[in-house]
Amino acid sequence: MPTSNPTTTPKTRTKPKIERPRLHKVILVNDDFTPREFVVTVLKGEFRMSEDQAHRVMITAHQRGVCVVAVFTRDVAETKATRATDAGRAKGYPLLFTTEPEE
C-alpha cells in the first residue's frame, strides 16, 4: 500500500461559502375601509415605528396602493405580516400585509 509523503502533498482548506439569508419585504396593501388611525397603531406596535414614520407609510400606501413597510429575513417578515394582518381581522378590518422576496 503506497503511503503519501506529507511534505509533498499540499493540504488545501476550503472555506464553506456562507450565503446571507434572502431578505423579504413586508408590504402594506391599501384598502378603503381600515381607518388610518388603526393602520398607524398597527405599524407602531408591530414594526416599532414612530408616529411620524407610521403616518408616512400609511399615507404612501393610501396614495400608491402599496408601500414597503420593512425588510427582514423570510421568517421574521412572514411572522410580522401575519400578526399585523391578524390585528386588523380581529377588529373586523380588511387590513392586509404581504411579503415578497427582495431583488
Protein backbone atom coordinates (compact mmCIF):
# COMPACT_ATOMS: atom_id res chain seq x y z
CA MET A 1 0.00 0.00 0.00
CA PRO A 2 1.58 3.31 -1.03
CA THR A 3 1.99 5.95 1.60
CA SER A 4 1.74 9.64 0.79
CA ASN A 5 4.54 11.88 1.81
CA PRO A 6 3.10 14.79 3.85
CA THR A 7 5.87 17.13 2.70
CA THR A 8 4.91 16.84 -0.99
CA THR A 9 1.14 16.65 -0.73
CA PRO A 10 -0.33 20.12 -0.21
CA LYS A 11 -3.36 20.33 2.01
CA THR A 12 -5.99 22.74 0.85
CA ARG A 13 -8.62 24.02 3.14
CA THR A 14 -11.87 25.09 1.63
CA LYS A 15 -13.97 27.58 3.47
CA PRO A 16 -17.65 26.80 3.30
CA LYS A 17 -19.41 29.59 1.44
CA ILE A 18 -21.94 31.12 3.79
CA GLU A 19 -24.73 32.89 1.99
CA ARG A 20 -26.68 35.59 3.71
CA PRO A 21 -30.34 34.70 4.02
CA ARG A 22 -32.50 36.21 1.32
CA LEU A 23 -34.43 39.19 2.60
CA HIS A 24 -38.17 39.69 2.21
CA LYS A 25 -40.17 42.90 2.07
CA VAL A 26 -43.26 43.39 4.20
CA ILE A 27 -45.81 45.29 2.13
CA LEU A 28 -48.85 47.21 3.35
CA VAL A 29 -51.74 46.95 0.87
CA ASN A 30 -54.18 49.86 0.88
CA ASP A 31 -57.89 49.32 1.38
CA ASP A 32 -60.75 51.79 1.61
CA PHE A 33 -62.18 50.51 4.89
CA THR A 34 -59.49 50.27 7.56
CA PRO A 35 -59.28 53.55 9.50
CA ARG A 36 -56.00 55.42 9.05
CA GLU A 37 -55.51 55.74 12.80
CA PHE A 38 -55.78 51.97 13.19
CA VAL A 39 -53.18 51.37 10.46
CA VAL A 40 -50.82 53.79 12.22
CA THR A 41 -51.40 51.97 15.54
CA VAL A 42 -50.57 48.59 13.97
CA LEU A 43 -47.44 49.96 12.28
CA LYS A 44 -46.25 51.45 15.57
CA GLY A 45 -46.98 48.29 17.53
CA GLU A 46 -45.78 45.56 15.20
CA PHE A 47 -43.00 47.37 13.37
CA ARG A 48 -41.81 49.66 16.20
CA MET A 49 -42.28 52.83 14.13
CA SER A 50 -42.61 56.32 15.47
CA GLU A 51 -45.93 58.12 14.99
CA ASP A 52 -44.38 60.13 12.13
CA GLN A 53 -42.86 57.09 10.36
CA ALA A 54 -46.10 55.13 10.66
CA HIS A 55 -48.13 58.04 9.32
CA ARG A 56 -45.81 58.41 6.29
CA VAL A 57 -46.02 54.68 5.48
CA MET A 58 -49.82 54.74 5.80
CA ILE A 59 -50.13 57.81 3.53
CA THR A 60 -47.78 56.30 0.93
CA ALA A 61 -49.86 53.10 0.84
CA HIS A 62 -53.02 55.21 0.59
CA GLN A 63 -51.67 57.21 -2.36
CA ARG A 64 -49.87 54.45 -4.25
CA GLY A 65 -51.92 51.40 -3.31
CA VAL A 66 -49.00 49.64 -1.58
CA CYS A 67 -45.98 50.58 0.50
CA VAL A 68 -42.93 48.60 1.65
CA VAL A 69 -43.03 48.71 5.43
CA ALA A 70 -39.74 46.99 6.29
CA VAL A 71 -37.29 44.30 5.16
CA PHE A 72 -36.47 41.22 7.23
CA THR A 73 -35.38 37.62 6.85
CA ARG A 74 -38.19 35.46 5.49
CA ASP A 75 -39.40 34.04 8.81
CA VAL A 76 -39.48 37.41 10.55
CA ALA A 77 -41.19 39.10 7.58
CA GLU A 78 -43.89 36.44 7.36
CA THR A 79 -44.50 36.47 11.11
CA LYS A 80 -44.82 40.26 11.28
CA ALA A 81 -47.06 40.41 8.18
CA THR A 82 -49.33 37.71 9.62
CA ARG A 83 -49.52 39.34 13.05
CA ALA A 84 -50.28 42.78 11.57
CA THR A 85 -52.94 41.34 9.23
CA ASP A 86 -54.46 39.37 12.12
CA ALA A 87 -54.67 42.57 14.22
CA GLY A 88 -56.89 44.08 11.54
CA ARG A 89 -59.00 40.93 11.20
CA ALA A 90 -59.53 40.89 14.97
CA LYS A 91 -61.17 44.33 14.66
CA GLY A 92 -63.13 43.35 11.55
CA TYR A 93 -60.97 45.31 9.07
CA PRO A 94 -59.63 44.02 5.74
CA LEU A 95 -56.12 45.25 6.63
CA LEU A 96 -53.56 43.29 4.60
CA PHE A 97 -49.80 42.92 4.85
CA THR A 98 -47.99 40.65 2.38
CA THR A 99 -44.38 39.58 1.86
CA GLU A 100 -42.23 39.13 -1.22
CA PRO A 101 -38.55 38.42 -1.80
CA GLU A 102 -36.33 41.43 -2.19
CA GLU A 103 -34.49 41.59 -5.51
